[in-house]
PDB file of all heavy atoms in Angstrom:
ATOM      1  N   VAL A   1      -0.134  16.427 -12.666  1.00  0.00           N
ATOM      2  CA  VAL A   1       1.200  16.900 -12.620  1.00  0.00           C
ATOM      3  C   VAL A   1       1.559  18.097 -11.775  1.00  0.00           C
ATOM      4  O   VAL A   1       2.601  18.472 -11.618  1.00  0.00           O
ATOM      5  CB  VAL A   1       1.777  17.105 -14.006  1.00  0.00           C
ATOM      6  CG1 VAL A   1       1.907  15.780 -14.837  1.00  0.00           C
ATOM      7  CG2 VAL A   1       0.885  18.070 -14.687  1.00  0.00           C
ATOM      8  N   ILE A   2       0.459  18.721 -11.320  1.00  0.00           N
ATOM      9  CA  ILE A   2       0.597  20.068 -10.583  1.00  0.00           C
ATOM     10  C   ILE A   2       0.279  19.854  -9.091  1.00  0.00           C
ATOM     11  O   ILE A   2       0.090  20.727  -8.422  1.00  0.00           O
ATOM     12  CB  ILE A   2      -0.256  21.139 -11.204  1.00  0.00           C
ATOM     13  CG1 ILE A   2      -1.716  20.795 -11.170  1.00  0.00           C
ATOM     14  CG2 ILE A   2       0.173  21.516 -12.633  1.00  0.00           C
ATOM     15  CD1 ILE A   2      -2.521  21.958 -11.649  1.00  0.00           C
ATOM     16  N   ASP A   3       0.286  18.618  -8.632  1.00  0.00           N
ATOM     17  CA  ASP A   3      -0.005  18.325  -7.232  1.00  0.00           C
ATOM     18  C   ASP A   3       0.949  17.407  -6.731  1.00  0.00           C
ATOM     19  O   ASP A   3       0.977  16.197  -6.988  1.00  0.00           O
ATOM     20  CB  ASP A   3      -1.387  17.817  -7.004  1.00  0.00           C
ATOM     21  CG  ASP A   3      -1.840  17.638  -5.600  1.00  0.00           C
ATOM     22  OD1 ASP A   3      -0.905  17.489  -4.761  1.00  0.00           O
ATOM     23  OD2 ASP A   3      -2.976  17.767  -5.219  1.00  0.00           O
ATOM     24  N   ASN A   4       2.064  17.855  -6.009  1.00  0.00           N
ATOM     25  CA  ASN A   4       3.137  17.088  -5.574  1.00  0.00           C
ATOM     26  C   ASN A   4       2.689  15.824  -4.687  1.00  0.00           C
ATOM     27  O   ASN A   4       3.207  14.762  -4.793  1.00  0.00           O
ATOM     28  CB  ASN A   4       4.178  17.855  -4.757  1.00  0.00           C
ATOM     29  CG  ASN A   4       4.932  18.824  -5.826  1.00  0.00           C
ATOM     30  OD1 ASN A   4       4.930  18.521  -6.999  1.00  0.00           O
ATOM     31  ND2 ASN A   4       5.420  19.770  -5.123  1.00  0.00           N
ATOM     32  N   GLU A   5       1.749  16.050  -3.790  1.00  0.00           N
ATOM     33  CA  GLU A   5       1.266  15.090  -2.869  1.00  0.00           C
ATOM     34  C   GLU A   5       0.454  14.083  -3.702  1.00  0.00           C
ATOM     35  O   GLU A   5       0.668  12.758  -3.409  1.00  0.00           O
ATOM     36  CB  GLU A   5       0.226  15.751  -1.880  1.00  0.00           C
ATOM     37  CG  GLU A   5      -0.337  14.761  -0.843  1.00  0.00           C
ATOM     38  CD  GLU A   5       0.668  13.957  -0.098  1.00  0.00           C
ATOM     39  OE1 GLU A   5       1.863  14.632   0.226  1.00  0.00           O
ATOM     40  OE2 GLU A   5       0.489  12.917   0.285  1.00  0.00           O
ATOM     41  N   GLN A   6      -0.290  14.471  -4.749  1.00  0.00           N
ATOM     42  CA  GLN A   6      -1.049  13.405  -5.519  1.00  0.00           C
ATOM     43  C   GLN A   6       0.001  12.665  -6.311  1.00  0.00           C
ATOM     44  O   GLN A   6      -0.265  11.346  -6.579  1.00  0.00           O
ATOM     45  CB  GLN A   6      -1.950  14.156  -6.508  1.00  0.00           C
ATOM     46  CG  GLN A   6      -2.932  13.213  -7.403  1.00  0.00           C
ATOM     47  CD  GLN A   6      -3.761  12.451  -6.304  1.00  0.00           C
ATOM     48  OE1 GLN A   6      -4.447  12.964  -5.499  1.00  0.00           O
ATOM     49  NE2 GLN A   6      -3.737  11.058  -6.618  1.00  0.00           N
ATOM     50  N   ILE A   7       1.041  13.263  -6.892  1.00  0.00           N
ATOM     51  CA  ILE A   7       2.050  12.446  -7.564  1.00  0.00           C
ATOM     52  C   ILE A   7       2.745  11.506  -6.635  1.00  0.00           C
ATOM     53  O   ILE A   7       2.807  10.307  -7.109  1.00  0.00           O
ATOM     54  CB  ILE A   7       3.217  13.467  -8.048  1.00  0.00           C
ATOM     55  CG1 ILE A   7       2.676  14.298  -9.183  1.00  0.00           C
ATOM     56  CG2 ILE A   7       4.438  12.673  -8.598  1.00  0.00           C
ATOM     57  CD1 ILE A   7       3.739  15.429  -9.654  1.00  0.00           C
ATOM     58  N   LEU A   8       2.899  11.744  -5.373  1.00  0.00           N
ATOM     59  CA  LEU A   8       3.430  10.656  -4.478  1.00  0.00           C
ATOM     60  C   LEU A   8       2.416   9.575  -4.277  1.00  0.00           C
ATOM     61  O   LEU A   8       2.908   8.383  -4.281  1.00  0.00           O
ATOM     62  CB  LEU A   8       3.797  11.450  -3.107  1.00  0.00           C
ATOM     63  CG  LEU A   8       4.166  10.509  -1.998  1.00  0.00           C
ATOM     64  CD1 LEU A   8       5.424   9.733  -2.588  1.00  0.00           C
ATOM     65  CD2 LEU A   8       4.408  11.323  -0.769  1.00  0.00           C
ATOM     66  N   GLN A   9       1.207   9.941  -4.089  1.00  0.00           N
ATOM     67  CA  GLN A   9       0.153   8.910  -3.899  1.00  0.00           C
ATOM     68  C   GLN A   9      -0.026   8.001  -5.273  1.00  0.00           C
ATOM     69  O   GLN A   9      -0.180   6.885  -5.064  1.00  0.00           O
ATOM     70  CB  GLN A   9      -1.191   9.558  -3.687  1.00  0.00           C
ATOM     71  CG  GLN A   9      -1.301  10.250  -2.353  1.00  0.00           C
ATOM     72  CD  GLN A   9      -0.736   9.492  -1.063  1.00  0.00           C
ATOM     73  OE1 GLN A   9      -1.128   8.388  -0.938  1.00  0.00           O
ATOM     74  NE2 GLN A   9       0.173  10.019  -0.258  1.00  0.00           N
ATOM     75  N   ASP A  10       0.032   8.681  -6.372  1.00  0.00           N
ATOM     76  CA  ASP A  10      -0.070   7.904  -7.558  1.00  0.00           C
ATOM     77  C   ASP A  10       1.036   6.989  -7.804  1.00  0.00           C
ATOM     78  O   ASP A  10       1.008   5.836  -8.307  1.00  0.00           O
ATOM     79  CB  ASP A  10      -0.222   8.744  -8.764  1.00  0.00           C
ATOM     80  CG  ASP A  10      -1.557   9.549  -8.900  1.00  0.00           C
ATOM     81  OD1 ASP A  10      -2.501   9.036  -8.228  1.00  0.00           O
ATOM     82  OD2 ASP A  10      -1.654  10.514  -9.537  1.00  0.00           O
ATOM     83  N   CYS A  11       2.303   7.501  -7.384  1.00  0.00           N
ATOM     84  CA  CYS A  11       3.481   6.711  -7.461  1.00  0.00           C
ATOM     85  C   CYS A  11       3.459   5.454  -6.593  1.00  0.00           C
ATOM     86  O   CYS A  11       3.836   4.326  -7.020  1.00  0.00           O
ATOM     87  CB  CYS A  11       4.694   7.529  -7.003  1.00  0.00           C
ATOM     88  SG  CYS A  11       6.263   6.676  -7.146  1.00  0.00           S
ATOM     89  N   LYS A  12       2.934   5.613  -5.349  1.00  0.00           N
ATOM     90  CA  LYS A  12       2.775   4.521  -4.410  1.00  0.00           C
ATOM     91  C   LYS A  12       1.799   3.442  -5.067  1.00  0.00           C
ATOM     92  O   LYS A  12       2.032   2.222  -4.886  1.00  0.00           O
ATOM     93  CB  LYS A  12       2.318   5.019  -3.090  1.00  0.00           C
ATOM     94  CG  LYS A  12       3.484   5.716  -2.387  1.00  0.00           C
ATOM     95  CD  LYS A  12       2.970   6.563  -1.017  1.00  0.00           C
ATOM     96  CE  LYS A  12       2.544   5.602  -0.001  1.00  0.00           C
ATOM     97  NZ  LYS A  12       2.142   6.428   1.178  1.00  0.00           N
ATOM     98  N   LYS A  13       0.706   4.014  -5.516  1.00  0.00           N
ATOM     99  CA  LYS A  13      -0.264   3.051  -6.009  1.00  0.00           C
ATOM    100  C   LYS A  13       0.358   2.180  -7.157  1.00  0.00           C
ATOM    101  O   LYS A  13       0.057   0.933  -7.248  1.00  0.00           O
ATOM    102  CB  LYS A  13      -1.425   3.820  -6.738  1.00  0.00           C
ATOM    103  CG  LYS A  13      -2.438   4.308  -5.607  1.00  0.00           C
ATOM    104  CD  LYS A  13      -3.608   5.242  -6.301  1.00  0.00           C
ATOM    105  CE  LYS A  13      -4.503   5.837  -5.261  1.00  0.00           C
ATOM    106  NZ  LYS A  13      -5.543   6.698  -5.950  1.00  0.00           N
ATOM    107  N   GLU A  14       1.118   2.804  -8.171  1.00  0.00           N
ATOM    108  CA  GLU A  14       1.816   2.131  -9.207  1.00  0.00           C
ATOM    109  C   GLU A  14       2.828   1.161  -8.578  1.00  0.00           C
ATOM    110  O   GLU A  14       3.026  -0.024  -9.113  1.00  0.00           O
ATOM    111  CB  GLU A  14       2.374   3.044 -10.081  1.00  0.00           C
ATOM    112  CG  GLU A  14       3.058   2.478 -11.271  1.00  0.00           C
ATOM    113  CD  GLU A  14       2.078   1.715 -12.237  1.00  0.00           C
ATOM    114  OE1 GLU A  14       0.934   1.982 -12.094  1.00  0.00           O
ATOM    115  OE2 GLU A  14       2.381   0.972 -13.097  1.00  0.00           O
ATOM    116  N   GLY A  15       3.489   1.533  -7.526  1.00  0.00           N
ATOM    117  CA  GLY A  15       4.423   0.783  -6.917  1.00  0.00           C
ATOM    118  C   GLY A  15       3.943  -0.543  -6.293  1.00  0.00           C
ATOM    119  O   GLY A  15       4.429  -1.641  -6.512  1.00  0.00           O
ATOM    120  N   TYR A  16       2.674  -0.489  -5.753  1.00  0.00           N
ATOM    121  CA  TYR A  16       1.932  -1.603  -5.137  1.00  0.00           C
ATOM    122  C   TYR A  16       1.749  -2.617  -6.316  1.00  0.00           C
ATOM    123  O   TYR A  16       1.919  -3.779  -6.176  1.00  0.00           O
ATOM    124  CB  TYR A  16       0.651  -1.303  -4.497  1.00  0.00           C
ATOM    125  CG  TYR A  16       0.860  -0.353  -3.234  1.00  0.00           C
ATOM    126  CD1 TYR A  16      -0.074   0.687  -3.087  1.00  0.00           C
ATOM    127  CD2 TYR A  16       1.922  -0.552  -2.417  1.00  0.00           C
ATOM    128  CE1 TYR A  16       0.203   1.498  -1.891  1.00  0.00           C
ATOM    129  CE2 TYR A  16       2.127   0.251  -1.264  1.00  0.00           C
ATOM    130  CZ  TYR A  16       1.228   1.275  -1.005  1.00  0.00           C
ATOM    131  OH  TYR A  16       1.362   2.134   0.111  1.00  0.00           O
ATOM    132  N   LYS A  17       1.433  -2.122  -7.540  1.00  0.00           N
ATOM    133  CA  LYS A  17       1.156  -3.026  -8.634  1.00  0.00           C
ATOM    134  C   LYS A  17       2.333  -3.637  -9.160  1.00  0.00           C
ATOM    135  O   LYS A  17       2.326  -4.835  -9.576  1.00  0.00           O
ATOM    136  CB  LYS A  17       0.482  -2.161  -9.780  1.00  0.00           C
ATOM    137  CG  LYS A  17      -0.891  -1.573  -9.544  1.00  0.00           C
ATOM    138  CD  LYS A  17      -1.376  -0.739 -10.696  1.00  0.00           C
ATOM    139  CE  LYS A  17      -2.702  -0.028 -10.412  1.00  0.00           C
ATOM    140  NZ  LYS A  17      -3.026   0.847 -11.572  1.00  0.00           N
ATOM    141  N   LEU A  18       3.493  -2.945  -8.999  1.00  0.00           N
ATOM    142  CA  LEU A  18       4.689  -3.564  -9.514  1.00  0.00           C
ATOM    143  C   LEU A  18       5.402  -4.563  -8.544  1.00  0.00           C
ATOM    144  O   LEU A  18       6.190  -5.403  -9.004  1.00  0.00           O
ATOM    145  CB  LEU A  18       5.696  -2.404  -9.866  1.00  0.00           C
ATOM    146  CG  LEU A  18       5.385  -1.485 -10.866  1.00  0.00           C
ATOM    147  CD1 LEU A  18       6.306  -0.351 -10.984  1.00  0.00           C
ATOM    148  CD2 LEU A  18       5.209  -2.198 -12.305  1.00  0.00           C
ATOM    149  N   ILE A  19       5.098  -4.496  -7.266  1.00  0.00           N
ATOM    150  CA  ILE A  19       5.649  -5.332  -6.286  1.00  0.00           C
ATOM    151  C   ILE A  19       5.089  -6.649  -6.503  1.00  0.00           C
ATOM    152  O   ILE A  19       3.876  -6.985  -6.510  1.00  0.00           O
ATOM    153  CB  ILE A  19       5.230  -4.818  -4.808  1.00  0.00           C
ATOM    154  CG1 ILE A  19       6.089  -3.519  -4.568  1.00  0.00           C
ATOM    155  CG2 ILE A  19       5.602  -5.872  -3.787  1.00  0.00           C
ATOM    156  CD1 ILE A  19       5.723  -2.850  -3.238  1.00  0.00           C
ATOM    157  N   THR A  20       5.840  -7.663  -6.835  1.00  0.00           N
ATOM    158  CA  THR A  20       5.396  -9.084  -6.940  1.00  0.00           C
ATOM    159  C   THR A  20       5.279  -9.808  -5.718  1.00  0.00           C
ATOM    160  O   THR A  20       4.555 -10.968  -5.833  1.00  0.00           O
ATOM    161  CB  THR A  20       6.578  -9.749  -7.813  1.00  0.00           C
ATOM    162  OG1 THR A  20       7.794  -9.696  -7.070  1.00  0.00           O
ATOM    163  CG2 THR A  20       6.872  -9.162  -9.185  1.00  0.00           C
ATOM    164  N   PHE A  21       5.551  -9.342  -4.684  1.00  0.00           N
ATOM    165  CA  PHE A  21       5.320 -10.038  -3.293  1.00  0.00           C
ATOM    166  C   PHE A  21       3.941  -9.993  -3.023  1.00  0.00           C
ATOM    167  O   PHE A  21       3.394  -8.817  -2.915  1.00  0.00           O
ATOM    168  CB  PHE A  21       6.236  -9.384  -2.125  1.00  0.00           C
ATOM    169  CG  PHE A  21       6.134  -9.994  -0.911  1.00  0.00           C
ATOM    170  CD1 PHE A  21       7.192 -10.798  -0.604  1.00  0.00           C
ATOM    171  CD2 PHE A  21       5.172  -9.819   0.036  1.00  0.00           C
ATOM    172  CE1 PHE A  21       7.162 -11.549   0.738  1.00  0.00           C
ATOM    173  CE2 PHE A  21       5.099 -10.484   1.291  1.00  0.00           C
ATOM    174  CZ  PHE A  21       6.189 -11.363   1.553  1.00  0.00           C
ATOM    175  N   GLN A  22       3.201 -11.145  -2.829  1.00  0.00           N
ATOM    176  CA  GLN A  22       1.867 -11.099  -2.583  1.00  0.00           C
ATOM    177  C   GLN A  22       1.592 -11.568  -1.052  1.00  0.00           C
ATOM    178  O   GLN A  22       1.599 -12.682  -0.787  1.00  0.00           O
ATOM    179  CB  GLN A  22       1.112 -12.082  -3.557  1.00  0.00           C
ATOM    180  CG  GLN A  22       1.207 -11.689  -4.990  1.00  0.00           C
ATOM    181  CD  GLN A  22       0.668 -10.395  -5.349  1.00  0.00           C
ATOM    182  OE1 GLN A  22      -0.384  -9.948  -4.789  1.00  0.00           O
ATOM    183  NE2 GLN A  22       1.213  -9.512  -6.347  1.00  0.00           N
ATOM    184  N   PRO A  23       1.232 -10.621  -0.224  1.00  0.00           N
ATOM    185  CA  PRO A  23       0.992 -10.988   1.117  1.00  0.00           C
ATOM    186  C   PRO A  23      -0.334 -11.597   1.422  1.00  0.00           C
ATOM    187  O   PRO A  23      -1.290 -11.316   0.776  1.00  0.00           O
ATOM    188  CB  PRO A  23       1.214  -9.575   1.829  1.00  0.00           C
ATOM    189  CG  PRO A  23       0.766  -8.664   0.905  1.00  0.00           C
ATOM    190  CD  PRO A  23       1.122  -9.150  -0.509  1.00  0.00           C
ATOM    191  N   LEU A  24      -0.425 -12.479   2.462  1.00  0.00           N
ATOM    192  CA  LEU A  24      -1.611 -13.105   2.897  1.00  0.00           C
ATOM    193  C   LEU A  24      -2.034 -12.529   4.150  1.00  0.00           C
ATOM    194  O   LEU A  24      -3.176 -12.500   4.560  1.00  0.00           O
ATOM    195  CB  LEU A  24      -1.463 -14.524   3.017  1.00  0.00           C
ATOM    196  CG  LEU A  24      -1.171 -15.404   1.659  1.00  0.00           C
ATOM    197  CD1 LEU A  24      -0.965 -16.762   2.182  1.00  0.00           C
ATOM    198  CD2 LEU A  24      -2.351 -15.192   0.734  1.00  0.00           C
ATOM    199  N   TYR A  25      -1.146 -11.963   5.015  1.00  0.00           N
ATOM    200  CA  TYR A  25      -1.482 -11.657   6.326  1.00  0.00           C
ATOM    201  C   TYR A  25      -1.179  -9.959   6.539  1.00  0.00           C
ATOM    202  O   TYR A  25      -1.177  -9.454   7.742  1.00  0.00           O
ATOM    203  CB  TYR A  25      -0.710 -12.406   7.327  1.00  0.00           C
ATOM    204  CG  TYR A  25      -0.537 -13.931   6.986  1.00  0.00           C
ATOM    205  CD1 TYR A  25       0.651 -14.431   6.446  1.00  0.00           C
ATOM    206  CD2 TYR A  25      -1.619 -14.792   7.056  1.00  0.00           C
ATOM    207  CE1 TYR A  25       0.797 -15.684   6.126  1.00  0.00           C
ATOM    208  CE2 TYR A  25      -1.610 -16.056   6.708  1.00  0.00           C
ATOM    209  CZ  TYR A  25      -0.408 -16.558   6.155  1.00  0.00           C
ATOM    210  OH  TYR A  25      -0.238 -17.834   5.842  1.00  0.00           O
ATOM    211  N   ALA A  26      -1.107  -9.282   5.550  1.00  0.00           N
ATOM    212  CA  ALA A  26      -1.002  -7.808   5.623  1.00  0.00           C
ATOM    213  C   ALA A  26      -1.425  -7.208   4.198  1.00  0.00           C
ATOM    214  O   ALA A  26      -1.429  -8.038   3.210  1.00  0.00           O
ATOM    215  CB  ALA A  26       0.266  -7.471   6.018  1.00  0.00           C
ATOM    216  N   GLN A  27      -1.669  -6.022   4.183  1.00  0.00           N
ATOM    217  CA  GLN A  27      -1.876  -5.321   2.997  1.00  0.00           C
ATOM    218  C   GLN A  27      -0.571  -4.767   2.450  1.00  0.00           C
ATOM    219  O   GLN A  27       0.296  -4.402   3.278  1.00  0.00           O
ATOM    220  CB  GLN A  27      -2.915  -4.234   3.097  1.00  0.00           C
ATOM    221  CG  GLN A  27      -4.429  -4.708   3.395  1.00  0.00           C
ATOM    222  CD  GLN A  27      -5.295  -3.623   3.477  1.00  0.00           C
ATOM    223  OE1 GLN A  27      -5.153  -2.704   4.290  1.00  0.00           O
ATOM    224  NE2 GLN A  27      -6.480  -3.739   2.884  1.00  0.00           N
ATOM    225  N   LYS A  28      -0.425  -4.542   1.116  1.00  0.00           N
ATOM    226  CA  LYS A  28       0.822  -4.049   0.512  1.00  0.00           C
ATOM    227  C   LYS A  28       1.087  -2.744   1.197  1.00  0.00           C
ATOM    228  O   LYS A  28       2.265  -2.394   1.412  1.00  0.00           O
ATOM    229  CB  LYS A  28       0.679  -4.000  -0.885  1.00  0.00           C
ATOM    230  CG  LYS A  28       0.901  -5.436  -1.592  1.00  0.00           C
ATOM    231  CD  LYS A  28       0.972  -5.248  -3.079  1.00  0.00           C
ATOM    232  CE  LYS A  28       1.279  -6.681  -3.700  1.00  0.00           C
ATOM    233  NZ  LYS A  28       1.368  -6.441  -5.267  1.00  0.00           N
ATOM    234  N   SER A  29       0.085  -1.975   1.345  1.00  0.00           N
ATOM    235  CA  SER A  29       0.213  -0.537   1.798  1.00  0.00           C
ATOM    236  C   SER A  29       0.881  -0.605   3.178  1.00  0.00           C
ATOM    237  O   SER A  29       1.734   0.282   3.495  1.00  0.00           O
ATOM    238  CB  SER A  29      -1.022   0.173   1.863  1.00  0.00           C
ATOM    239  OG  SER A  29      -2.043  -0.510   2.694  1.00  0.00           O
TER     240      SER A  29
END
């Protein structure tokens, strides 16, 4: 909670999990 950049990275990781779109020809990132 004391690292804003880490919060953003953790948020993106969780976002990838929540995205239901499953690509075959690219990574979610």
